[in-house]
PDB file of N, CA and C in Angstrom:
ATOM      1  N   MET A   1     -46.695 -56.919  49.240  1.00  0.00           N
ATOM      2  CA  MET A   1     -45.279 -56.565  49.220  1.00  0.00           C
ATOM      3  C   MET A   1     -44.702 -57.012  47.876  1.00  0.00           C
ATOM      4  N   ASN A   2     -44.183 -56.047  47.102  1.00  0.00           N
ATOM      5  CA  ASN A   2     -43.596 -56.396  45.805  1.00  0.00           C
ATOM      6  C   ASN A   2     -42.220 -57.039  45.992  1.00  0.00           C
ATOM      7  N   LEU A   3     -41.680 -57.587  44.913  1.00  0.00           N
ATOM      8  CA  LEU A   3     -40.426 -58.336  44.977  1.00  0.00           C
ATOM      9  C   LEU A   3     -39.256 -57.471  45.452  1.00  0.00           C
ATOM     10  N   VAL A   4     -39.161 -56.242  44.950  1.00  0.00           N
ATOM     11  CA  VAL A   4     -38.057 -55.361  45.361  1.00  0.00           C
ATOM     12  C   VAL A   4     -38.168 -55.047  46.857  1.00  0.00           C
ATOM     13  N   HIS A   5     -39.376 -54.816  47.320  1.00  0.00           N
ATOM     14  CA  HIS A   5     -39.592 -54.569  48.751  1.00  0.00           C
ATOM     15  C   HIS A   5     -39.165 -55.791  49.563  1.00  0.00           C
ATOM     16  N   GLN A   6     -39.505 -56.986  49.106  1.00  0.00           N
ATOM     17  CA  GLN A   6     -39.104 -58.216  49.804  1.00  0.00           C
ATOM     18  C   GLN A   6     -37.582 -58.304  49.917  1.00  0.00           C
ATOM     19  N   TRP A   7     -36.885 -58.004  48.810  1.00  0.00           N
ATOM     20  CA  TRP A   7     -35.423 -58.048  48.833  1.00  0.00           C
ATOM     21  C   TRP A   7     -34.854 -56.959  49.734  1.00  0.00           C
ATOM     22  N   ALA A   8     -35.462 -55.795  49.750  1.00  0.00           N
ATOM     23  CA  ALA A   8     -34.997 -54.717  50.625  1.00  0.00           C
ATOM     24  C   ALA A   8     -35.045 -55.165  52.085  1.00  0.00           C
ATOM     25  N   VAL A   9     -36.122 -55.823  52.469  1.00  0.00           N
ATOM     26  CA  VAL A   9     -36.260 -56.314  53.839  1.00  0.00           C
ATOM     27  C   VAL A   9     -35.216 -57.395  54.120  1.00  0.00           C
ATOM     28  N   ARG A  10     -35.005 -58.296  53.171  1.00  0.00           N
ATOM     29  CA  ARG A  10     -33.999 -59.359  53.352  1.00  0.00           C
ATOM     30  C   ARG A  10     -32.604 -58.765  53.568  1.00  0.00           C
ATOM     31  N   TYR A  11     -32.242 -57.804  52.727  1.00  0.00           N
ATOM     32  CA  TYR A  11     -30.932 -57.170  52.878  1.00  0.00           C
ATOM     33  C   TYR A  11     -30.820 -56.460  54.226  1.00  0.00           C
ATOM     34  N   ALA A  12     -31.848 -55.728  54.604  1.00  0.00           N
ATOM     35  CA  ALA A  12     -31.815 -54.996  55.880  1.00  0.00           C
ATOM     36  C   ALA A  12     -31.647 -55.959  57.051  1.00  0.00           C
ATOM     37  N   ARG A  13     -32.299 -57.095  56.996  1.00  0.00           N
ATOM     38  CA  ARG A  13     -32.183 -58.089  58.064  1.00  0.00           C
ATOM     39  C   ARG A  13     -30.778 -58.684  58.132  1.00  0.00           C
ATOM     40  N   GLN A  14     -30.023 -58.555  57.038  1.00  0.00           N
ATOM     41  CA  GLN A  14     -28.637 -59.026  57.011  1.00  0.00           C
ATOM     42  C   GLN A  14     -27.656 -57.897  57.338  1.00  0.00           C
ATOM     43  N   GLY A  15     -28.192 -56.728  57.694  1.00  0.00           N
ATOM     44  CA  GLY A  15     -27.328 -55.612  58.079  1.00  0.00           C
ATOM     45  C   GLY A  15     -26.863 -54.750  56.925  1.00  0.00           C
ATOM     46  N   ILE A  16     -27.534 -54.856  55.785  1.00  0.00           N
ATOM     47  CA  ILE A  16     -27.168 -54.057  54.613  1.00  0.00           C
ATOM     48  C   ILE A  16     -28.228 -52.977  54.414  1.00  0.00           C
ATOM     49  N   ALA A  17     -27.801 -51.731  54.538  1.00  0.00           N
ATOM     50  CA  ALA A  17     -28.722 -50.612  54.338  1.00  0.00           C
ATOM     51  C   ALA A  17     -29.008 -50.464  52.852  1.00  0.00           C
ATOM     52  N   VAL A  18     -30.286 -50.457  52.494  1.00  0.00           N
ATOM     53  CA  VAL A  18     -30.682 -50.263  51.102  1.00  0.00           C
ATOM     54  C   VAL A  18     -31.630 -49.081  51.000  1.00  0.00           C
ATOM     55  N   ILE A  19     -31.610 -48.452  49.842  1.00  0.00           N
ATOM     56  CA  ILE A  19     -32.479 -47.311  49.577  1.00  0.00           C
ATOM     57  C   ILE A  19     -33.071 -47.461  48.179  1.00  0.00           C
ATOM     58  N   PRO A  20     -34.179 -46.761  47.895  1.00  0.00           N
ATOM     59  CA  PRO A  20     -34.759 -46.827  46.559  1.00  0.00           C
ATOM     60  C   PRO A  20     -33.974 -45.985  45.557  1.00  0.00           C
ATOM     61  N   MET A  21     -33.889 -46.489  44.337  1.00  0.00           N
ATOM     62  CA  MET A  21     -33.217 -45.739  43.277  1.00  0.00           C
ATOM     63  C   MET A  21     -34.022 -45.838  41.994  1.00  0.00           C
ATOM     64  N   ILE A  22     -33.782 -44.900  41.107  1.00  0.00           N
ATOM     65  CA  ILE A  22     -34.461 -44.887  39.813  1.00  0.00           C
ATOM     66  C   ILE A  22     -33.960 -46.069  39.003  1.00  0.00           C
ATOM     67  N   ARG A  23     -34.873 -46.844  38.457  1.00  0.00           N
ATOM     68  CA  ARG A  23     -34.500 -47.995  37.628  1.00  0.00           C
ATOM     69  C   ARG A  23     -33.601 -47.548  36.479  1.00  0.00           C
ATOM     70  N   GLN A  24     -32.602 -48.368  36.165  1.00  0.00           N
ATOM     71  CA  GLN A  24     -31.691 -48.160  35.046  1.00  0.00           C
ATOM     72  C   GLN A  24     -30.759 -46.957  35.220  1.00  0.00           C
ATOM     73  N   LYS A  25     -30.751 -46.348  36.388  1.00  0.00           N
ATOM     74  CA  LYS A  25     -29.892 -45.183  36.608  1.00  0.00           C
ATOM     75  C   LYS A  25     -29.213 -45.309  37.955  1.00  0.00           C
ATOM     76  N   LYS A  26     -28.173 -44.540  38.155  1.00  0.00           N
ATOM     77  CA  LYS A  26     -27.449 -44.558  39.425  1.00  0.00           C
ATOM     78  C   LYS A  26     -27.835 -43.352  40.262  1.00  0.00           C
ATOM     79  N   ARG A  27     -29.143 -43.124  40.393  1.00  0.00           N
ATOM     80  CA  ARG A  27     -29.610 -41.958  41.153  1.00  0.00           C
ATOM     81  C   ARG A  27     -30.605 -42.384  42.218  1.00  0.00           C
ATOM     82  N   PRO A  28     -30.314 -42.066  43.471  1.00  0.00           N
ATOM     83  CA  PRO A  28     -31.245 -42.410  44.552  1.00  0.00           C
ATOM     84  C   PRO A  28     -32.497 -41.536  44.494  1.00  0.00           C
ATOM     85  N   LEU A  29     -33.586 -42.065  45.013  1.00  0.00           N
ATOM     86  CA  LEU A  29     -34.845 -41.337  45.064  1.00  0.00           C
ATOM     87  C   LEU A  29     -35.036 -40.588  46.382  1.00  0.00           C
ATOM     88  N   ILE A  30     -34.125 -40.764  47.294  1.00  0.00           N
ATOM     89  CA  ILE A  30     -34.211 -40.104  48.602  1.00  0.00           C
ATOM     90  C   ILE A  30     -32.856 -39.497  48.946  1.00  0.00           C
ATOM     91  N   ARG A  31     -32.836 -38.684  49.984  1.00  0.00           N
ATOM     92  CA  ARG A  31     -31.557 -38.231  50.532  1.00  0.00           C
ATOM     93  C   ARG A  31     -30.990 -39.395  51.325  1.00  0.00           C
ATOM     94  N   TRP A  32     -29.854 -39.897  50.899  1.00  0.00           N
ATOM     95  CA  TRP A  32     -29.352 -41.182  51.378  1.00  0.00           C
ATOM     96  C   TRP A  32     -28.252 -41.114  52.425  1.00  0.00           C
ATOM     97  N   LYS A  33     -27.628 -39.979  52.625  1.00  0.00           N
ATOM     98  CA  LYS A  33     -26.434 -39.920  53.474  1.00  0.00           C
ATOM     99  C   LYS A  33     -26.702 -40.349  54.920  1.00  0.00           C
ATOM    100  N   THR A  34     -27.903 -40.140  55.411  1.00  0.00           N
ATOM    101  CA  THR A  34     -28.258 -40.591  56.762  1.00  0.00           C
ATOM    102  C   THR A  34     -28.024 -42.086  56.914  1.00  0.00           C
ATOM    103  N   TYR A  35     -28.259 -42.831  55.844  1.00  0.00           N
ATOM    104  CA  TYR A  35     -28.215 -44.288  55.909  1.00  0.00           C
ATOM    105  C   TYR A  35     -26.805 -44.853  55.779  1.00  0.00           C
ATOM    106  N   ARG A  36     -25.808 -43.964  55.805  1.00  0.00           N
ATOM    107  CA  ARG A  36     -24.421 -44.421  55.933  1.00  0.00           C
ATOM    108  C   ARG A  36     -24.156 -44.887  57.355  1.00  0.00           C
ATOM    109  N   SER A  37     -24.947 -44.387  58.304  1.00  0.00           N
ATOM    110  CA  SER A  37     -24.720 -44.746  59.707  1.00  0.00           C
ATOM    111  C   SER A  37     -25.979 -45.250  60.417  1.00  0.00           C
ATOM    112  N   VAL A  38     -27.120 -45.185  59.761  1.00  0.00           N
ATOM    113  CA  VAL A  38     -28.387 -45.622  60.353  1.00  0.00           C
ATOM    114  C   VAL A  38     -29.066 -46.597  59.396  1.00  0.00           C
ATOM    115  N   MET A  39     -29.526 -47.713  59.938  1.00  0.00           N
ATOM    116  CA  MET A  39     -30.227 -48.695  59.127  1.00  0.00           C
ATOM    117  C   MET A  39     -31.687 -48.268  58.967  1.00  0.00           C
ATOM    118  N   PRO A  40     -32.214 -48.253  57.726  1.00  0.00           N
ATOM    119  CA  PRO A  40     -33.630 -47.949  57.576  1.00  0.00           C
ATOM    120  C   PRO A  40     -34.477 -49.058  58.217  1.00  0.00           C
ATOM    121  N   THR A  41     -35.525 -48.669  58.901  1.00  0.00           N
ATOM    122  CA  THR A  41     -36.403 -49.656  59.546  1.00  0.00           C
ATOM    123  C   THR A  41     -37.273 -50.335  58.494  1.00  0.00           C
ATOM    124  N   GLU A  42     -37.876 -51.452  58.882  1.00  0.00           N
ATOM    125  CA  GLU A  42     -38.791 -52.133  57.956  1.00  0.00           C
ATOM    126  C   GLU A  42     -39.997 -51.252  57.644  1.00  0.00           C
ATOM    127  N   GLU A  43     -40.374 -50.408  58.584  1.00  0.00           N
ATOM    128  CA  GLU A  43     -41.473 -49.467  58.345  1.00  0.00           C
ATOM    129  C   GLU A  43     -41.087 -48.449  57.261  1.00  0.00           C
ATOM    130  N   ILE A  44     -39.872 -47.931  57.340  1.00  0.00           N
ATOM    131  CA  ILE A  44     -39.391 -46.990  56.327  1.00  0.00           C
ATOM    132  C   ILE A  44     -39.294 -47.685  54.971  1.00  0.00           C
ATOM    133  N   LEU A  45     -38.779 -48.922  54.960  1.00  0.00           N
ATOM    134  CA  LEU A  45     -38.686 -49.666  53.699  1.00  0.00           C
ATOM    135  C   LEU A  45     -40.059 -49.853  53.081  1.00  0.00           C
ATOM    136  N   ALA A  46     -41.060 -50.151  53.904  1.00  0.00           N
ATOM    137  CA  ALA A  46     -42.425 -50.323  53.398  1.00  0.00           C
ATOM    138  C   ALA A  46     -42.953 -49.019  52.806  1.00  0.00           C
ATOM    139  N   THR A  47     -42.675 -47.911  53.482  1.00  0.00           N
ATOM    140  CA  THR A  47     -43.112 -46.609  52.956  1.00  0.00           C
ATOM    141  C   THR A  47     -42.478 -46.345  51.600  1.00  0.00           C
ATOM    142  N   TRP A  48     -41.179 -46.583  51.489  1.00  0.00           N
ATOM    143  CA  TRP A  48     -40.493 -46.334  50.230  1.00  0.00           C
ATOM    144  C   TRP A  48     -40.956 -47.273  49.118  1.00  0.00           C
ATOM    145  N   PHE A  49     -40.815 -48.582  49.359  1.00  0.00           N
ATOM    146  CA  PHE A  49     -40.965 -49.550  48.283  1.00  0.00           C
ATOM    147  C   PHE A  49     -42.405 -49.968  48.003  1.00  0.00           C
ATOM    148  N   ALA A  50     -43.308 -49.803  48.962  1.00  0.00           N
ATOM    149  CA  ALA A  50     -44.705 -50.172  48.731  1.00  0.00           C
ATOM    150  C   ALA A  50     -45.587 -48.970  48.426  1.00  0.00           C
ATOM    151  N   THR A  51     -45.215 -47.801  48.957  1.00  0.00           N
ATOM    152  CA  THR A  51     -46.097 -46.642  48.833  1.00  0.00           C
ATOM    153  C   THR A  51     -45.522 -45.542  47.950  1.00  0.00           C
ATOM    154  N   GLN A  52     -44.398 -44.965  48.360  1.00  0.00           N
ATOM    155  CA  GLN A  52     -43.843 -43.816  47.646  1.00  0.00           C
ATOM    156  C   GLN A  52     -43.263 -44.166  46.279  1.00  0.00           C
ATOM    157  N   PHE A  53     -42.497 -45.257  46.218  1.00  0.00           N
ATOM    158  CA  PHE A  53     -41.764 -45.596  44.997  1.00  0.00           C
ATOM    159  C   PHE A  53     -41.951 -47.072  44.642  1.00  0.00           C
ATOM    160  N   PRO A  54     -43.177 -47.514  44.361  1.00  0.00           N
ATOM    161  CA  PRO A  54     -43.409 -48.940  44.116  1.00  0.00           C
ATOM    162  C   PRO A  54     -42.692 -49.486  42.875  1.00  0.00           C
ATOM    163  N   ASP A  55     -42.290 -48.615  41.971  1.00  0.00           N
ATOM    164  CA  ASP A  55     -41.590 -49.067  40.760  1.00  0.00           C
ATOM    165  C   ASP A  55     -40.078 -48.891  40.857  1.00  0.00           C
ATOM    166  N   ALA A  56     -39.596 -48.551  42.037  1.00  0.00           N
ATOM    167  CA  ALA A  56     -38.160 -48.296  42.213  1.00  0.00           C
ATOM    168  C   ALA A  56     -37.360 -49.589  42.215  1.00  0.00           C
ATOM    169  N   ASN A  57     -36.093 -49.439  41.919  1.00  0.00           N
ATOM    170  CA  ASN A  57     -35.122 -50.492  42.134  1.00  0.00           C
ATOM    171  C   ASN A  57     -34.497 -50.210  43.493  1.00  0.00           C
ATOM    172  N   LEU A  58     -33.536 -51.020  43.918  1.00  0.00           N
ATOM    173  CA  LEU A  58     -32.874 -50.712  45.180  1.00  0.00           C
ATOM    174  C   LEU A  58     -31.369 -50.725  44.986  1.00  0.00           C
ATOM    175  N   THR A  59     -30.701 -50.039  45.878  1.00  0.00           N
ATOM    176  CA  THR A  59     -29.244 -50.032  45.888  1.00  0.00           C
ATOM    177  C   THR A  59     -28.771 -50.072  47.332  1.00  0.00           C
ATOM    178  N   ALA A  60     -27.611 -50.660  47.532  1.00  0.00           N
ATOM    179  CA  ALA A  60     -27.027 -50.712  48.868  1.00  0.00           C
ATOM    180  C   ALA A  60     -26.250 -49.429  49.142  1.00  0.00           C
ATOM    181  N   VAL A  61     -26.310 -48.990  50.380  1.00  0.00           N
ATOM    182  CA  VAL A  61     -25.494 -47.868  50.820  1.00  0.00           C
ATOM    183  C   VAL A  61     -24.163 -48.473  51.266  1.00  0.00           C
ATOM    184  N   LEU A  62     -23.111 -48.164  50.529  1.00  0.00           N
ATOM    185  CA  LEU A  62     -21.809 -48.760  50.794  1.00  0.00           C
ATOM    186  C   LEU A  62     -21.119 -48.075  51.967  1.00  0.00           C
ATOM    187  N   GLY A  63     -20.216 -48.809  52.609  1.00  0.00           N
ATOM    188  CA  GLY A  63     -19.430 -48.228  53.688  1.00  0.00           C
ATOM    189  C   GLY A  63     -19.385 -49.122  54.904  1.00  0.00           C
ATOM    190  N   ARG A  64     -18.858 -48.582  55.980  1.00  0.00           N
ATOM    191  CA  ARG A  64     -18.653 -49.361  57.198  1.00  0.00           C
ATOM    192  C   ARG A  64     -19.945 -49.913  57.772  1.00  0.00           C
ATOM    193  N   HIS A  65     -21.015 -49.131  57.732  1.00  0.00           N
ATOM    194  CA  HIS A  65     -22.266 -49.569  58.348  1.00  0.00           C
ATOM    195  C   HIS A  65     -22.772 -50.856  57.696  1.00  0.00           C
ATOM    196  N   SER A  66     -22.711 -50.935  56.377  1.00  0.00           N
ATOM    197  CA  SER A  66     -23.156 -52.132  55.667  1.00  0.00           C
ATOM    198  C   SER A  66     -22.022 -53.125  55.458  1.00  0.00           C
ATOM    199  N   ASN A  67     -20.798 -52.713  55.757  1.00  0.00           N
ATOM    200  CA  ASN A  67     -19.621 -53.555  55.574  1.00  0.00           C
ATOM    201  C   ASN A  67     -19.448 -53.962  54.105  1.00  0.00           C
ATOM    202  N   LEU A  68     -19.701 -53.016  53.201  1.00  0.00           N
ATOM    203  CA  LEU A  68     -19.589 -53.257  51.768  1.00  0.00           C
ATOM    204  C   LEU A  68     -18.773 -52.157  51.103  1.00  0.00           C
ATOM    205  N   PHE A  69     -18.068 -52.536  50.046  1.00  0.00           N
ATOM    206  CA  PHE A  69     -17.432 -51.539  49.199  1.00  0.00           C
ATOM    207  C   PHE A  69     -17.523 -52.034  47.769  1.00  0.00           C
ATOM    208  N   ALA A  70     -17.299 -51.152  46.824  1.00  0.00           N
ATOM    209  CA  ALA A  70     -17.370 -51.522  45.414  1.00  0.00           C
ATOM    210  C   ALA A  70     -16.227 -50.866  44.661  1.00  0.00           C
ATOM    211  N   VAL A  71     -15.837 -51.495  43.590  1.00  0.00           N
ATOM    212  CA  VAL A  71     -14.840 -50.943  42.682  1.00  0.00           C
ATOM    213  C   VAL A  71     -15.528 -50.807  41.325  1.00  0.00           C
ATOM    214  N   ASP A  72     -15.568 -49.603  40.807  1.00  0.00           N
ATOM    215  CA  ASP A  72     -16.195 -49.342  39.509  1.00  0.00           C
ATOM    216  C   ASP A  72     -15.085 -49.208  38.476  1.00  0.00           C
ATOM    217  N   VAL A  73     -15.036 -50.135  37.548  1.00  0.00           N
ATOM    218  CA  VAL A  73     -13.982 -50.155  36.536  1.00  0.00           C
ATOM    219  C   VAL A  73     -14.610 -49.847  35.182  1.00  0.00           C
ATOM    220  N   GLU A  74     -14.082 -48.851  34.510  1.00  0.00           N
ATOM    221  CA  GLU A  74     -14.601 -48.432  33.211  1.00  0.00           C
ATOM    222  C   GLU A  74     -13.694 -48.926  32.089  1.00  0.00           C
ATOM    223  N   GLY A  75     -14.270 -49.432  31.035  1.00  0.00           N
ATOM    224  CA  GLY A  75     -13.512 -49.814  29.843  1.00  0.00           C
ATOM    225  C   GLY A  75     -13.008 -51.243  29.879  1.00  0.00           C
ATOM    226  N   LEU A  76     -13.046 -51.895  28.734  1.00  0.00           N
ATOM    227  CA  LEU A  76     -12.637 -53.287  28.617  1.00  0.00           C
ATOM    228  C   LEU A  76     -11.182 -53.492  29.008  1.00  0.00           C
ATOM    229  N   LYS A  77     -10.289 -52.608  28.555  1.00  0.00           N
ATOM    230  CA  LYS A  77      -8.865 -52.755  28.860  1.00  0.00           C
ATOM    231  C   LYS A  77      -8.635 -52.739  30.371  1.00  0.00           C
ATOM    232  N   SER A  78      -9.279 -51.832  31.067  1.00  0.00           N
ATOM    233  CA  SER A  78      -9.132 -51.740  32.517  1.00  0.00           C
ATOM    234  C   SER A  78      -9.691 -52.973  33.210  1.00  0.00           C
ATOM    235  N   LYS A  79     -10.810 -53.487  32.711  1.00  0.00           N
ATOM    236  CA  LYS A  79     -11.401 -54.680  33.308  1.00  0.00           C
ATOM    237  C   LYS A  79     -10.488 -55.880  33.140  1.00  0.00           C
ATOM    238  N   ILE A  80      -9.892 -56.025  31.968  1.00  0.00           N
ATOM    239  CA  ILE A  80      -8.969 -57.137  31.722  1.00  0.00           C
ATOM    240  C   ILE A  80      -7.750 -57.012  32.627  1.00  0.00           C
ATOM    241  N   GLU A  81      -7.197 -55.802  32.740  1.00  0.00           N
ATOM    242  CA  GLU A  81      -6.030 -55.590  33.588  1.00  0.00           C
ATOM    243  C   GLU A  81      -6.339 -55.896  35.050  1.00  0.00           C
ATOM    244  N   LEU A  82      -7.479 -55.424  35.541  1.00  0.00           N
ATOM    245  CA  LEU A  82      -7.859 -55.683  36.928  1.00  0.00           C
ATOM    246  C   LEU A  82      -8.052 -57.181  37.158  1.00  0.00           C
ATOM    247  N   GLY A  83      -8.732 -57.863  36.233  1.00  0.00           N
ATOM    248  CA  GLY A  83      -8.949 -59.301  36.362  1.00  0.00           C
ATOM    249  C   GLY A  83      -7.641 -60.077  36.360  1.00  0.00           C
ATOM    250  N   THR A  84      -6.722 -59.681  35.497  1.00  0.00           N
ATOM    251  CA  THR A  84      -5.422 -60.347  35.423  1.00  0.00           C
ATOM    252  C   THR A  84      -4.646 -60.154  36.721  1.00  0.00           C
ATOM    253  N   ARG A  85      -4.642 -58.940  37.232  1.00  0.00           N
ATOM    254  CA  ARG A  85      -3.936 -58.675  38.496  1.00  0.00           C
ATOM    255  C   ARG A  85      -4.556 -59.463  39.652  1.00  0.00           C
ATOM    256  N   ALA A  86      -5.889 -59.508  39.690  1.00  0.00           N
ATOM    257  CA  ALA A  86      -6.566 -60.241  40.768  1.00  0.00           C
ATOM    258  C   ALA A  86      -6.240 -61.729  40.690  1.00  0.00           C
ATOM    259  N   LEU A  87      -6.224 -62.278  39.485  1.00  0.00           N
ATOM    260  CA  LEU A  87      -5.901 -63.697  39.314  1.00  0.00           C
ATOM    261  C   LEU A  87      -4.466 -63.982  39.755  1.00  0.00           C
ATOM    262  N   ARG A  88      -3.525 -63.132  39.354  1.00  0.00           N
ATOM    263  CA  ARG A  88      -2.121 -63.314  39.761  1.00  0.00           C
ATOM    264  C   ARG A  88      -1.976 -63.242  41.277  1.00  0.00           C
ATOM    265  N   GLU A  89      -2.657 -62.292  41.894  1.00  0.00           N
ATOM    266  CA  GLU A  89      -2.595 -62.150  43.346  1.00  0.00           C
ATOM    267  C   GLU A  89      -3.171 -63.394  44.029  1.00  0.00           C
ATOM    268  N   ALA A  90      -4.302 -63.870  43.550  1.00  0.00           N
ATOM    269  CA  ALA A  90      -4.911 -65.065  44.143  1.00  0.00           C
ATOM    270  C   ALA A  90      -3.994 -66.272  43.995  1.00  0.00           C
ATOM    271  N   GLU A  91      -3.409 -66.429  42.814  1.00  0.00           N
ATOM    272  CA  GLU A  91      -2.511 -67.565  42.591  1.00  0.00           C
ATOM    273  C   GLU A  91      -1.275 -67.480  43.486  1.00  0.00           C
ATOM    274  N   SER A  92      -0.734 -66.270  43.679  1.00  0.00           N
ATOM    275  CA  SER A  92       0.454 -66.145  44.526  1.00  0.00           C
ATOM    276  C   SER A  92       0.116 -66.439  45.986  1.00  0.00           C
ATOM    277  N   ARG A  93      -1.055 -66.054  46.425  1.00  0.00           N
ATOM    278  CA  ARG A  93      -1.443 -66.317  47.813  1.00  0.00           C
ATOM    279  C   ARG A  93      -1.816 -67.776  48.036  1.00  0.00           C
ATOM    280  N   LEU A  94      -2.384 -68.402  47.013  1.00  0.00           N
ATOM    281  CA  LEU A  94      -2.810 -69.797  47.151  1.00  0.00           C
ATOM    282  C   LEU A  94      -1.754 -70.789  46.687  1.00  0.00           C
ATOM    283  N   GLY A  95      -0.674 -70.290  46.084  1.00  0.00           N
ATOM    284  CA  GLY A  95       0.380 -71.179  45.612  1.00  0.00           C
ATOM    285  C   GLY A  95       0.075 -71.801  44.263  1.00  0.00           C
ATOM    286  N   GLY A  96      -0.691 -71.127  43.445  1.00  0.00           N
ATOM    287  CA  GLY A  96      -1.029 -71.640  42.117  1.00  0.00           C
ATOM    288  C   GLY A  96      -2.511 -71.939  42.027  1.00  0.00           C
ATOM    289  N   PRO A  97      -2.947 -72.399  40.871  1.00  0.00           N
ATOM    290  CA  PRO A  97      -4.375 -72.712  40.692  1.00  0.00           C
ATOM    291  C   PRO A  97      -4.823 -73.782  41.690  1.00  0.00           C
ATOM    292  N   GLN A  98      -6.022 -73.649  42.179  1.00  0.00           N
ATOM    293  CA  GLN A  98      -6.585 -74.597  43.131  1.00  0.00           C
ATOM    294  C   GLN A  98      -7.825 -75.236  42.510  1.00  0.00           C
ATOM    295  N   GLU A  99      -8.018 -76.517  42.753  1.00  0.00           N
ATOM    296  CA  GLU A  99      -9.196 -77.208  42.244  1.00  0.00           C
ATOM    297  C   GLU A  99     -10.058 -77.622  43.424  1.00  0.00           C
ATOM    298  N   ALA A 100     -11.321 -77.246  43.362  1.00  0.00           N
ATOM    299  CA  ALA A 100     -12.244 -77.589  44.448  1.00  0.00           C
ATOM    300  C   ALA A 100     -12.684 -79.036  44.312  1.00  0.00           C
ATOM    301  N   ASP A 101     -13.036 -79.652  45.456  1.00  0.00           N
ATOM    302  CA  ASP A 101     -13.577 -81.000  45.423  1.00  0.00           C
ATOM    303  C   ASP A 101     -15.052 -80.923  44.985  1.00  0.00           C
ATOM    304  N   PRO A 102     -15.736 -82.065  44.827  1.00  0.00           N
ATOM    305  CA  PRO A 102     -17.139 -82.042  44.361  1.00  0.00           C
ATOM    306  C   PRO A 102     -18.075 -81.236  45.253  1.00  0.00           C
ATOM    307  N   ASN A 103     -17.694 -81.015  46.515  1.00  0.00           N
ATOM    308  CA  ASN A 103     -18.518 -80.214  47.420  1.00  0.00           C
ATOM    309  C   ASN A 103     -18.188 -78.728  47.364  1.00  0.00           C
ATOM    310  N   GLY A 104     -17.244 -78.367  46.489  1.00  0.00           N
ATOM    311  CA  GLY A 104     -16.865 -76.969  46.362  1.00  0.00           C
ATOM    312  C   GLY A 104     -15.822 -76.515  47.349  1.00  0.00           C
ATOM    313  N   GLU A 105     -15.244 -77.440  48.112  1.00  0.00           N
ATOM    314  CA  GLU A 105     -14.240 -77.110  49.110  1.00  0.00           C
ATOM    315  C   GLU A 105     -12.846 -77.085  48.480  1.00  0.00           C
ATOM    316  N   LEU A 106     -12.034 -76.089  48.857  1.00  0.00           N
ATOM    317  CA  LEU A 106     -10.646 -76.027  48.403  1.00  0.00           C
ATOM    318  C   LEU A 106      -9.779 -76.854  49.341  1.00  0.00           C
ATOM    319  N   PRO A 107      -8.672 -77.417  48.832  1.00  0.00           N
ATOM    320  CA  PRO A 107      -7.784 -78.174  49.696  1.00  0.00           C
ATOM    321  C   PRO A 107      -7.169 -77.277  50.768  1.00  0.00           C
ATOM    322  N   GLN A 108      -6.933 -77.847  51.937  1.00  0.00           N
ATOM    323  CA  GLN A 108      -6.350 -77.090  53.059  1.00  0.00           C
ATOM    324  C   GLN A 108      -4.868 -76.968  52.915  1.00  0.00           C
TER     325      GLN A 108
END
């Protein structure tokens, strides 16, 4: 079992549907829409990552089934603006900057 296959199994066991994709590209190697609502079995993962596409990377199928979503932000200006807005929102909800204790816990 190669490393990508191992990670695919780990993600699937955590309820995250993953599929094989072409390395360095955002293109799946299979028809993926089925996996928006069905989790690939470990047998299917083995077929994909050990047999059919041993050099593939993996990607998560986003949506309700995996309980994941992503925001794709293009351009430095947009990234800075999004980061600034997120920081302001966090500070307003938390009442300002928060410092974690040595265990990484935030004050209650």
